[in-house]
């Protein structure tokens, strides 16, 4: 793992990687460094093979207040001089870079669980909708802030949220920029559970992550891949994909261990996924 992250603290223990936004005094806004650090650390954790689940947590009063204005002032807004086609092409590449910062969460081999307290605003909604599951405190709220500042959300919310909650509810949130409370978010299926406070939230999410980490990591990876693939493809294509996956990735050793452990009245022990170096600058 790289060290020296300015926006995150990282802990990896017992198969659970806890990644914590650590700029609570600044509402964990997404400064320029954030957009480079998050995909780097997610890929590095994924590449170890020992991270079986990831908890994305936060500090301070709010989970995250969204994109910092410095991202726009630093050129992220598509400014600059020169031939217009080339300037706009650069802007497109910039948006794709921001999108990949969150897409890496759903591409990772391990499930990602978001633990959300207080405000989850603007870019933070883009981020948590790319996670596998979301959990919240009673005081949490969600806001598609982009519409309130005169822009269209462009980093994943409008692509993922309609597949998580009813279409009409998604459109209302996107068109009005109103706040959705934690209770409403649970009622429409955006969050799995609501906890009374931040301490209970972190304990509850860690418990879920520990349960995931106790399963076969290869079976978990395959399950995550199949759910993600089925979201974006037809049922027929998704069935074909799982058949191909099983033909290459299914081996009975983990099943044998599961049955043996049950017969011996003990917890099963599964081998970690193998480390890899692909896509990570400098390796692991």
C-alpha atoms as a PDB file:
ATOM      1  CA  UNK A   1       0.000   0.000   0.000  1.00  0.00           C
ATOM      2  CA  UNK A   2       1.074   3.551  -0.713  1.00  0.00           C
ATOM      3  CA  UNK A   3       1.182   5.927   2.246  1.00  0.00           C
ATOM      4  CA  UNK A   4       0.838   9.642   2.652  1.00  0.00           C
ATOM      5  CA  UNK A   5      -2.794   9.997   1.595  1.00  0.00           C
ATOM      6  CA  UNK A   6      -4.138  13.442   2.463  1.00  0.00           C
ATOM      7  CA  UNK A   7      -7.861  12.687   2.199  1.00  0.00           C
ATOM      8  CA  UNK A   8      -8.097   9.171   3.644  1.00  0.00           C
ATOM      9  CA  UNK A   9      -7.017   7.001   6.537  1.00  0.00           C
ATOM     10  CA  UNK A  10      -6.740   3.278   5.787  1.00  0.00           C
ATOM     11  CA  UNK A  11      -6.854   0.246   8.047  1.00  0.00           C
ATOM     12  CA  UNK A  12      -6.736  -3.365   6.873  1.00  0.00           C
ATOM     13  CA  UNK A  13      -7.448  -6.007   9.504  1.00  0.00           C
ATOM     14  CA  UNK A  14      -9.184  -9.390   9.522  1.00  0.00           C
ATOM     15  CA  UNK A  15      -9.983  -9.108   5.830  1.00  0.00           C
ATOM     16  CA  UNK A  16     -11.792  -5.767   6.226  1.00  0.00           C
ATOM     17  CA  UNK A  17     -10.341  -2.609   4.687  1.00  0.00           C
ATOM     18  CA  UNK A  18     -11.714   0.471   6.427  1.00  0.00           C
ATOM     19  CA  UNK A  19     -11.192   3.579   4.305  1.00  0.00           C
ATOM     20  CA  UNK A  20     -12.098   6.753   6.180  1.00  0.00           C
ATOM     21  CA  UNK A  21     -12.477  10.238   4.750  1.00  0.00           C
ATOM     22  CA  UNK A  22     -10.351  12.236   7.204  1.00  0.00           C
ATOM     23  CA  UNK A  23     -11.023  15.883   6.401  1.00  0.00           C
ATOM     24  CA  UNK A  24     -13.995  16.214   8.715  1.00  0.00           C
ATOM     25  CA  UNK A  25     -13.279  19.831   9.646  1.00  0.00           C
ATOM     26  CA  UNK A  26     -13.569  20.703   5.932  1.00  0.00           C
ATOM     27  CA  UNK A  27     -16.751  18.574   5.552  1.00  0.00           C
ATOM     28  CA  UNK A  28     -14.686  16.034   3.589  1.00  0.00           C
ATOM     29  CA  UNK A  29     -15.093  18.011   0.386  1.00  0.00           C
ATOM     30  CA  UNK A  30     -13.597  16.418  -2.706  1.00  0.00           C
ATOM     31  CA  UNK A  31     -10.458  18.456  -3.328  1.00  0.00           C
ATOM     32  CA  UNK A  32      -8.239  17.705  -6.373  1.00  0.00           C
ATOM     33  CA  UNK A  33      -6.114  15.168  -4.438  1.00  0.00           C
ATOM     34  CA  UNK A  34      -9.249  13.168  -3.572  1.00  0.00           C
ATOM     35  CA  UNK A  35      -9.854  12.227  -7.205  1.00  0.00           C
ATOM     36  CA  UNK A  36      -6.394  10.705  -7.568  1.00  0.00           C
ATOM     37  CA  UNK A  37      -6.136   9.124  -4.129  1.00  0.00           C
ATOM     38  CA  UNK A  38      -9.418   7.198  -4.035  1.00  0.00           C
ATOM     39  CA  UNK A  39      -8.932   5.084  -7.189  1.00  0.00           C
ATOM     40  CA  UNK A  40      -5.284   4.495  -6.289  1.00  0.00           C
ATOM     41  CA  UNK A  41      -6.023   3.202  -2.802  1.00  0.00           C
ATOM     42  CA  UNK A  42      -9.018   1.104  -3.924  1.00  0.00           C
ATOM     43  CA  UNK A  43      -6.935  -0.582  -6.628  1.00  0.00           C
ATOM     44  CA  UNK A  44      -4.067  -1.152  -4.230  1.00  0.00           C
ATOM     45  CA  UNK A  45      -6.352  -2.690  -1.605  1.00  0.00           C
ATOM     46  CA  UNK A  46      -8.016  -4.824  -4.259  1.00  0.00           C
ATOM     47  CA  UNK A  47      -4.639  -5.936  -5.570  1.00  0.00           C
ATOM     48  CA  UNK A  48      -3.476  -7.257  -2.199  1.00  0.00           C
ATOM     49  CA  UNK A  49      -6.024 -10.067  -2.415  1.00  0.00           C
ATOM     50  CA  UNK A  50      -6.380  -9.938   1.374  1.00  0.00           C
ATOM     51  CA  UNK A  51      -9.133  -7.303   1.476  1.00  0.00           C
ATOM     52  CA  UNK A  52     -12.391  -9.274   1.448  1.00  0.00           C
ATOM     53  CA  UNK A  53     -14.687  -6.315   2.155  1.00  0.00           C
ATOM     54  CA  UNK A  54     -14.229  -2.560   2.240  1.00  0.00           C
ATOM     55  CA  UNK A  55     -15.995  -0.096   4.531  1.00  0.00           C
ATOM     56  CA  UNK A  56     -16.091   3.477   3.235  1.00  0.00           C
ATOM     57  CA  UNK A  57     -16.560   5.635   6.317  1.00  0.00           C
ATOM     58  CA  UNK A  58     -16.095   9.263   7.259  1.00  0.00           C
ATOM     59  CA  UNK A  59     -15.352  11.705  10.051  1.00  0.00           C
ATOM     60  CA  UNK A  60     -16.985  14.868  11.309  1.00  0.00           C
ATOM     61  CA  UNK A  61     -20.523  16.156  11.186  1.00  0.00           C
ATOM     62  CA  UNK A  62     -21.113  15.255   7.529  1.00  0.00           C
ATOM     63  CA  UNK A  63     -20.128  12.251   5.465  1.00  0.00           C
ATOM     64  CA  UNK A  64     -19.121  14.429   2.507  1.00  0.00           C
ATOM     65  CA  UNK A  65     -20.227  17.808   1.189  1.00  0.00           C
ATOM     66  CA  UNK A  66     -19.340  16.999  -2.409  1.00  0.00           C
ATOM     67  CA  UNK A  67     -16.918  18.509  -4.875  1.00  0.00           C
ATOM     68  CA  UNK A  68     -14.681  21.296  -3.651  1.00  0.00           C
ATOM     69  CA  UNK A  69     -14.742  24.458  -5.746  1.00  0.00           C
ATOM     70  CA  UNK A  70     -10.984  24.154  -6.232  1.00  0.00           C
ATOM     71  CA  UNK A  71     -11.660  21.308  -8.672  1.00  0.00           C
ATOM     72  CA  UNK A  72     -13.427  23.782 -10.952  1.00  0.00           C
ATOM     73  CA  UNK A  73     -10.941  26.594 -10.438  1.00  0.00           C
ATOM     74  CA  UNK A  74      -8.129  24.170 -11.224  1.00  0.00           C
ATOM     75  CA  UNK A  75      -9.484  23.514 -14.695  1.00  0.00           C
ATOM     76  CA  UNK A  76     -12.066  20.846 -13.984  1.00  0.00           C
ATOM     77  CA  UNK A  77     -14.801  23.121 -15.269  1.00  0.00           C
ATOM     78  CA  UNK A  78     -13.526  22.898 -18.820  1.00  0.00           C
ATOM     79  CA  UNK A  79     -11.948  26.337 -19.087  1.00  0.00           C
ATOM     80  CA  UNK A  80      -8.776  27.287 -20.887  1.00  0.00           C
ATOM     81  CA  UNK A  81      -7.880  28.832 -24.173  1.00  0.00           C
ATOM     82  CA  UNK A  82      -7.108  27.258 -27.508  1.00  0.00           C
ATOM     83  CA  UNK A  83      -8.860  25.550 -30.377  1.00  0.00           C
ATOM     84  CA  UNK A  84     -12.426  24.862 -29.087  1.00  0.00           C
ATOM     85  CA  UNK A  85     -12.614  21.238 -30.174  1.00  0.00           C
ATOM     86  CA  UNK A  86      -9.421  20.361 -28.341  1.00  0.00           C
ATOM     87  CA  UNK A  87     -10.437  22.293 -25.240  1.00  0.00           C
ATOM     88  CA  UNK A  88     -13.781  20.463 -25.060  1.00  0.00           C
ATOM     89  CA  UNK A  89     -12.108  17.117 -25.759  1.00  0.00           C
ATOM     90  CA  UNK A  90      -9.877  17.761 -22.748  1.00  0.00           C
ATOM     91  CA  UNK A  91     -12.957  18.507 -20.672  1.00  0.00           C
ATOM     92  CA  UNK A  92     -14.482  15.191 -21.716  1.00  0.00           C
ATOM     93  CA  UNK A  93     -11.343  13.367 -20.589  1.00  0.00           C
ATOM     94  CA  UNK A  94     -11.525  15.216 -17.286  1.00  0.00           C
ATOM     95  CA  UNK A  95     -15.105  14.094 -16.683  1.00  0.00           C
ATOM     96  CA  UNK A  96     -14.201  10.500 -17.565  1.00  0.00           C
ATOM     97  CA  UNK A  97     -11.369  10.661 -15.021  1.00  0.00           C
ATOM     98  CA  UNK A  98     -13.788  11.811 -12.311  1.00  0.00           C
ATOM     99  CA  UNK A  99     -16.227   9.060 -13.262  1.00  0.00           C
ATOM    100  CA  UNK A 100     -13.551   6.367 -13.011  1.00  0.00           C
ATOM    101  CA  UNK A 101     -12.741   7.533  -9.483  1.00  0.00           C
ATOM    102  CA  UNK A 102     -16.084   6.055  -8.420  1.00  0.00           C
ATOM    103  CA  UNK A 103     -16.409   3.292 -11.008  1.00  0.00           C
ATOM    104  CA  UNK A 104     -13.371   1.641  -9.418  1.00  0.00           C
ATOM    105  CA  UNK A 105     -15.554   0.928  -6.367  1.00  0.00           C
ATOM    106  CA  UNK A 106     -17.918  -1.302  -8.329  1.00  0.00           C
ATOM    107  CA  UNK A 107     -15.084  -2.880 -10.328  1.00  0.00           C
ATOM    108  CA  UNK A 108     -13.181  -3.953  -7.204  1.00  0.00           C
ATOM    109  CA  UNK A 109     -13.242  -7.648  -6.352  1.00  0.00           C
ATOM    110  CA  UNK A 110     -14.441  -6.996  -2.793  1.00  0.00           C
ATOM    111  CA  UNK A 111     -17.847  -5.541  -1.837  1.00  0.00           C
ATOM    112  CA  UNK A 112     -17.831  -1.897  -0.710  1.00  0.00           C
ATOM    113  CA  UNK A 113     -20.120  -0.783   2.130  1.00  0.00           C
ATOM    114  CA  UNK A 114     -20.737   2.937   2.664  1.00  0.00           C
ATOM    115  CA  UNK A 115     -21.311   4.182   6.232  1.00  0.00           C
ATOM    116  CA  UNK A 116     -22.995   7.566   5.917  1.00  0.00           C
ATOM    117  CA  UNK A 117     -23.553  10.148   8.661  1.00  0.00           C
ATOM    118  CA  UNK A 118     -24.942  13.632   8.230  1.00  0.00           C
ATOM    119  CA  UNK A 119     -24.914  15.118   4.761  1.00  0.00           C
ATOM    120  CA  UNK A 120     -24.223  13.096   1.629  1.00  0.00           C
ATOM    121  CA  UNK A 121     -24.220  15.874  -0.922  1.00  0.00           C
ATOM    122  CA  UNK A 122     -23.514  16.259  -4.625  1.00  0.00           C
ATOM    123  CA  UNK A 123     -20.481  14.181  -5.593  1.00  0.00           C
ATOM    124  CA  UNK A 124     -20.918  12.122  -2.441  1.00  0.00           C
ATOM    125  CA  UNK A 125     -24.153  10.718  -3.893  1.00  0.00           C
ATOM    126  CA  UNK A 126     -22.207   9.771  -7.032  1.00  0.00           C
ATOM    127  CA  UNK A 127     -19.727   7.971  -4.778  1.00  0.00           C
ATOM    128  CA  UNK A 128     -22.115   6.006  -2.564  1.00  0.00           C
ATOM    129  CA  UNK A 129     -24.311   4.884  -5.467  1.00  0.00           C
ATOM    130  CA  UNK A 130     -21.206   3.114  -6.842  1.00  0.00           C
ATOM    131  CA  UNK A 131     -20.897   1.148  -3.589  1.00  0.00           C
ATOM    132  CA  UNK A 132     -22.509  -2.252  -3.081  1.00  0.00           C
ATOM    133  CA  UNK A 133     -24.541  -1.249  -0.026  1.00  0.00           C
ATOM    134  CA  UNK A 134     -25.290   1.902   1.926  1.00  0.00           C
ATOM    135  CA  UNK A 135     -26.026   2.377   5.638  1.00  0.00           C
ATOM    136  CA  UNK A 136     -26.900   5.630   7.375  1.00  0.00           C
ATOM    137  CA  UNK A 137     -27.421   7.401  10.679  1.00  0.00           C
ATOM    138  CA  UNK A 138     -30.805   8.839  11.596  1.00  0.00           C
ATOM    139  CA  UNK A 139     -29.564  12.361  10.861  1.00  0.00           C
ATOM    140  CA  UNK A 140     -28.209  11.486   7.410  1.00  0.00           C
ATOM    141  CA  UNK A 141     -29.597  13.073   4.274  1.00  0.00           C
ATOM    142  CA  UNK A 142     -28.937  12.831   0.549  1.00  0.00           C
ATOM    143  CA  UNK A 143     -28.987  15.723  -1.922  1.00  0.00           C
ATOM    144  CA  UNK A 144     -28.308  15.839  -5.672  1.00  0.00           C
ATOM    145  CA  UNK A 145     -26.777  19.267  -5.250  1.00  0.00           C
ATOM    146  CA  UNK A 146     -25.698  19.779  -8.862  1.00  0.00           C
ATOM    147  CA  UNK A 147     -29.130  20.989  -9.993  1.00  0.00           C
ATOM    148  CA  UNK A 148     -29.024  23.654  -7.265  1.00  0.00           C
ATOM    149  CA  UNK A 149     -25.851  25.160  -8.717  1.00  0.00           C
ATOM    150  CA  UNK A 150     -26.957  25.115 -12.354  1.00  0.00           C
ATOM    151  CA  UNK A 151     -25.382  21.948 -13.701  1.00  0.00           C
ATOM    152  CA  UNK A 152     -26.295  18.387 -14.624  1.00  0.00           C
ATOM    153  CA  UNK A 153     -24.795  15.698 -12.374  1.00  0.00           C
ATOM    154  CA  UNK A 154     -22.172  13.922 -14.475  1.00  0.00           C
ATOM    155  CA  UNK A 155     -20.160  11.511 -12.311  1.00  0.00           C
ATOM    156  CA  UNK A 156     -22.604   8.623 -11.900  1.00  0.00           C
ATOM    157  CA  UNK A 157     -25.671   9.594  -9.873  1.00  0.00           C
ATOM    158  CA  UNK A 158     -28.011   9.876 -12.854  1.00  0.00           C
ATOM    159  CA  UNK A 159     -26.762   6.575 -14.251  1.00  0.00           C
ATOM    160  CA  UNK A 160     -26.830   4.474 -11.050  1.00  0.00           C
ATOM    161  CA  UNK A 161     -29.510   5.970  -8.813  1.00  0.00           C
ATOM    162  CA  UNK A 162     -32.441   5.094 -11.159  1.00  0.00           C
ATOM    163  CA  UNK A 163     -31.395   1.444 -10.793  1.00  0.00           C
ATOM    164  CA  UNK A 164     -31.463   1.658  -7.000  1.00  0.00           C
ATOM    165  CA  UNK A 165     -34.701   3.536  -6.267  1.00  0.00           C
ATOM    166  CA  UNK A 166     -38.024   4.114  -8.067  1.00  0.00           C
ATOM    167  CA  UNK A 167     -37.683   6.165 -11.247  1.00  0.00           C
ATOM    168  CA  UNK A 168     -40.098   8.882 -10.180  1.00  0.00           C
ATOM    169  CA  UNK A 169     -38.371   9.391  -6.840  1.00  0.00           C
ATOM    170  CA  UNK A 170     -35.002   9.632  -8.575  1.00  0.00           C
ATOM    171  CA  UNK A 171     -36.318  12.211 -11.031  1.00  0.00           C
ATOM    172  CA  UNK A 172     -37.834  14.301  -8.245  1.00  0.00           C
ATOM    173  CA  UNK A 173     -34.572  14.362  -6.326  1.00  0.00           C
ATOM    174  CA  UNK A 174     -32.576  15.177  -9.481  1.00  0.00           C
ATOM    175  CA  UNK A 175     -34.967  17.901 -10.689  1.00  0.00           C
ATOM    176  CA  UNK A 176     -35.593  19.630  -7.347  1.00  0.00           C
ATOM    177  CA  UNK A 177     -32.338  19.171  -5.459  1.00  0.00           C
ATOM    178  CA  UNK A 178     -34.311  18.550  -2.256  1.00  0.00           C
ATOM    179  CA  UNK A 179     -32.931  16.607   0.668  1.00  0.00           C
ATOM    180  CA  UNK A 180     -33.932  12.967   1.153  1.00  0.00           C
ATOM    181  CA  UNK A 181     -33.898  11.913   4.796  1.00  0.00           C
ATOM    182  CA  UNK A 182     -32.419   8.645   6.030  1.00  0.00           C
ATOM    183  CA  UNK A 183     -35.875   7.229   6.764  1.00  0.00           C
ATOM    184  CA  UNK A 184     -37.073   7.991   3.242  1.00  0.00           C
ATOM    185  CA  UNK A 185     -33.854   6.578   1.804  1.00  0.00           C
ATOM    186  CA  UNK A 186     -34.476   3.324   3.650  1.00  0.00           C
ATOM    187  CA  UNK A 187     -38.128   3.263   2.589  1.00  0.00           C
ATOM    188  CA  UNK A 188     -37.216   3.487  -1.115  1.00  0.00           C
ATOM    189  CA  UNK A 189     -34.279   1.066  -0.835  1.00  0.00           C
ATOM    190  CA  UNK A 190     -31.314   3.418  -1.128  1.00  0.00           C
ATOM    191  CA  UNK A 191     -29.954   2.400   2.278  1.00  0.00           C
ATOM    192  CA  UNK A 192     -30.080  -1.022   3.898  1.00  0.00           C
ATOM    193  CA  UNK A 193     -30.376   0.092   7.507  1.00  0.00           C
ATOM    194  CA  UNK A 194     -30.570   3.242   9.627  1.00  0.00           C
ATOM    195  CA  UNK A 195     -28.664   3.492  12.914  1.00  0.00           C
ATOM    196  CA  UNK A 196     -29.253   5.926  15.809  1.00  0.00           C
ATOM    197  CA  UNK A 197     -25.780   7.486  15.751  1.00  0.00           C
ATOM    198  CA  UNK A 198     -22.335   7.356  14.147  1.00  0.00           C
ATOM    199  CA  UNK A 199     -20.887   4.903  16.663  1.00  0.00           C
ATOM    200  CA  UNK A 200     -23.724   2.436  16.154  1.00  0.00           C
ATOM    201  CA  UNK A 201     -23.445   2.912  12.383  1.00  0.00           C
ATOM    202  CA  UNK A 202     -19.756   2.010  12.279  1.00  0.00           C
ATOM    203  CA  UNK A 203     -20.252  -0.992  14.554  1.00  0.00           C
ATOM    204  CA  UNK A 204     -23.195  -2.230  12.500  1.00  0.00           C
ATOM    205  CA  UNK A 205     -21.444  -1.852   9.149  1.00  0.00           C
ATOM    206  CA  UNK A 206     -18.289  -3.526  10.466  1.00  0.00           C
ATOM    207  CA  UNK A 207     -20.444  -6.465  11.565  1.00  0.00           C
ATOM    208  CA  UNK A 208     -21.890  -6.837   8.068  1.00  0.00           C
ATOM    209  CA  UNK A 209     -18.407  -6.544   6.559  1.00  0.00           C
ATOM    210  CA  UNK A 210     -17.121  -9.229   8.930  1.00  0.00           C
ATOM    211  CA  UNK A 211     -19.906 -11.574   7.835  1.00  0.00           C
ATOM    212  CA  UNK A 212     -18.952 -10.994   4.193  1.00  0.00           C
ATOM    213  CA  UNK A 213     -15.268 -11.493   4.981  1.00  0.00           C
ATOM    214  CA  UNK A 214     -16.051 -14.895   6.490  1.00  0.00           C
ATOM    215  CA  UNK A 215     -17.308 -16.240   3.145  1.00  0.00           C
ATOM    216  CA  UNK A 216     -15.314 -17.614   0.243  1.00  0.00           C
ATOM    217  CA  UNK A 217     -13.689 -14.533  -1.349  1.00  0.00           C
ATOM    218  CA  UNK A 218     -13.799 -16.158  -4.777  1.00  0.00           C
ATOM    219  CA  UNK A 219     -17.540 -16.828  -4.420  1.00  0.00           C
ATOM    220  CA  UNK A 220     -18.081 -13.258  -3.180  1.00  0.00           C
ATOM    221  CA  UNK A 221     -16.162 -11.834  -6.152  1.00  0.00           C
ATOM    222  CA  UNK A 222     -18.197 -13.944  -8.549  1.00  0.00           C
ATOM    223  CA  UNK A 223     -21.446 -12.880  -6.874  1.00  0.00           C
ATOM    224  CA  UNK A 224     -20.532  -9.189  -7.088  1.00  0.00           C
ATOM    225  CA  UNK A 225     -19.540  -9.552 -10.726  1.00  0.00           C
ATOM    226  CA  UNK A 226     -22.798 -11.310 -11.606  1.00  0.00           C
ATOM    227  CA  UNK A 227     -25.023  -8.765  -9.849  1.00  0.00           C
ATOM    228  CA  UNK A 228     -23.195  -5.877 -11.541  1.00  0.00           C
ATOM    229  CA  UNK A 229     -23.336  -7.566 -14.946  1.00  0.00           C
ATOM    230  CA  UNK A 230     -27.032  -8.412 -14.613  1.00  0.00           C
ATOM    231  CA  UNK A 231     -27.802  -4.769 -13.818  1.00  0.00           C
ATOM    232  CA  UNK A 232     -26.474  -3.652 -17.201  1.00  0.00           C
ATOM    233  CA  UNK A 233     -27.438  -6.601 -19.438  1.00  0.00           C
ATOM    234  CA  UNK A 234     -30.412  -8.721 -20.389  1.00  0.00           C
ATOM    235  CA  UNK A 235     -31.331 -11.795 -18.362  1.00  0.00           C
ATOM    236  CA  UNK A 236     -30.233 -14.032 -21.234  1.00  0.00           C
ATOM    237  CA  UNK A 237     -26.839 -12.329 -21.458  1.00  0.00           C
ATOM    238  CA  UNK A 238     -26.393 -12.478 -17.686  1.00  0.00           C
ATOM    239  CA  UNK A 239     -27.194 -16.204 -17.602  1.00  0.00           C
ATOM    240  CA  UNK A 240     -24.666 -16.800 -20.366  1.00  0.00           C
ATOM    241  CA  UNK A 241     -22.078 -14.780 -18.436  1.00  0.00           C
ATOM    242  CA  UNK A 242     -22.467 -16.801 -15.225  1.00  0.00           C
ATOM    243  CA  UNK A 243     -22.178 -20.043 -17.206  1.00  0.00           C
ATOM    244  CA  UNK A 244     -18.872 -18.869 -18.678  1.00  0.00           C
ATOM    245  CA  UNK A 245     -17.658 -17.618 -15.298  1.00  0.00           C
ATOM    246  CA  UNK A 246     -18.422 -20.925 -13.614  1.00  0.00           C
ATOM    247  CA  UNK A 247     -16.704 -22.861 -16.374  1.00  0.00           C
ATOM    248  CA  UNK A 248     -13.470 -21.039 -15.581  1.00  0.00           C
ATOM    249  CA  UNK A 249     -13.697 -19.958 -11.937  1.00  0.00           C
ATOM    250  CA  UNK A 250     -15.739 -22.583 -10.098  1.00  0.00           C
ATOM    251  CA  UNK A 251     -13.719 -25.125  -8.164  1.00  0.00           C
ATOM    252  CA  UNK A 252     -15.133 -27.278  -5.352  1.00  0.00           C
ATOM    253  CA  UNK A 253     -12.397 -26.681  -2.733  1.00  0.00           C
ATOM    254  CA  UNK A 254     -14.282 -23.857  -0.995  1.00  0.00           C
ATOM    255  CA  UNK A 255     -17.497 -25.894  -0.988  1.00  0.00           C
ATOM    256  CA  UNK A 256     -15.652 -28.843   0.545  1.00  0.00           C
ATOM    257  CA  UNK A 257     -14.227 -26.545   3.232  1.00  0.00           C
ATOM    258  CA  UNK A 258     -17.713 -25.149   3.947  1.00  0.00           C
ATOM    259  CA  UNK A 259     -19.211 -28.609   4.427  1.00  0.00           C
ATOM    260  CA  UNK A 260     -16.220 -29.883   6.403  1.00  0.00           C
ATOM    261  CA  UNK A 261     -16.260 -26.875   8.743  1.00  0.00           C
ATOM    262  CA  UNK A 262     -19.970 -27.332   9.380  1.00  0.00           C
ATOM    263  CA  UNK A 263     -19.499 -31.028  10.143  1.00  0.00           C
ATOM    264  CA  UNK A 264     -16.649 -30.179  12.519  1.00  0.00           C
ATOM    265  CA  UNK A 265     -18.613 -27.339  14.138  1.00  0.00           C
ATOM    266  CA  UNK A 266     -16.029 -24.660  13.305  1.00  0.00           C
ATOM    267  CA  UNK A 267     -15.734 -21.573  11.149  1.00  0.00           C
ATOM    268  CA  UNK A 268     -14.543 -22.263   7.597  1.00  0.00           C
ATOM    269  CA  UNK A 269     -11.143 -20.989   6.507  1.00  0.00           C
ATOM    270  CA  UNK A 270     -10.794 -19.817   2.915  1.00  0.00           C
ATOM    271  CA  UNK A 271      -7.714 -18.841   0.962  1.00  0.00           C
ATOM    272  CA  UNK A 272      -7.414 -15.159   0.051  1.00  0.00           C
ATOM    273  CA  UNK A 273      -7.679 -14.073  -3.552  1.00  0.00           C
ATOM    274  CA  UNK A 274      -4.333 -13.936  -5.299  1.00  0.00           C
ATOM    275  CA  UNK A 275      -2.539 -10.588  -5.414  1.00  0.00           C
ATOM    276  CA  UNK A 276      -2.158  -8.908  -8.775  1.00  0.00           C
ATOM    277  CA  UNK A 277      -0.327  -5.910 -10.196  1.00  0.00           C
ATOM    278  CA  UNK A 278      -2.531  -4.978 -13.133  1.00  0.00           C
ATOM    279  CA  UNK A 279      -3.460  -1.333 -13.461  1.00  0.00           C
ATOM    280  CA  UNK A 280      -1.455  -0.104 -10.462  1.00  0.00           C
ATOM    281  CA  UNK A 281       1.463   2.237 -10.973  1.00  0.00           C
ATOM    282  CA  UNK A 282       4.576   0.760  -9.409  1.00  0.00           C
ATOM    283  CA  UNK A 283       2.901  -2.477  -8.350  1.00  0.00           C
ATOM    284  CA  UNK A 284       1.979  -3.453  -4.804  1.00  0.00           C
END
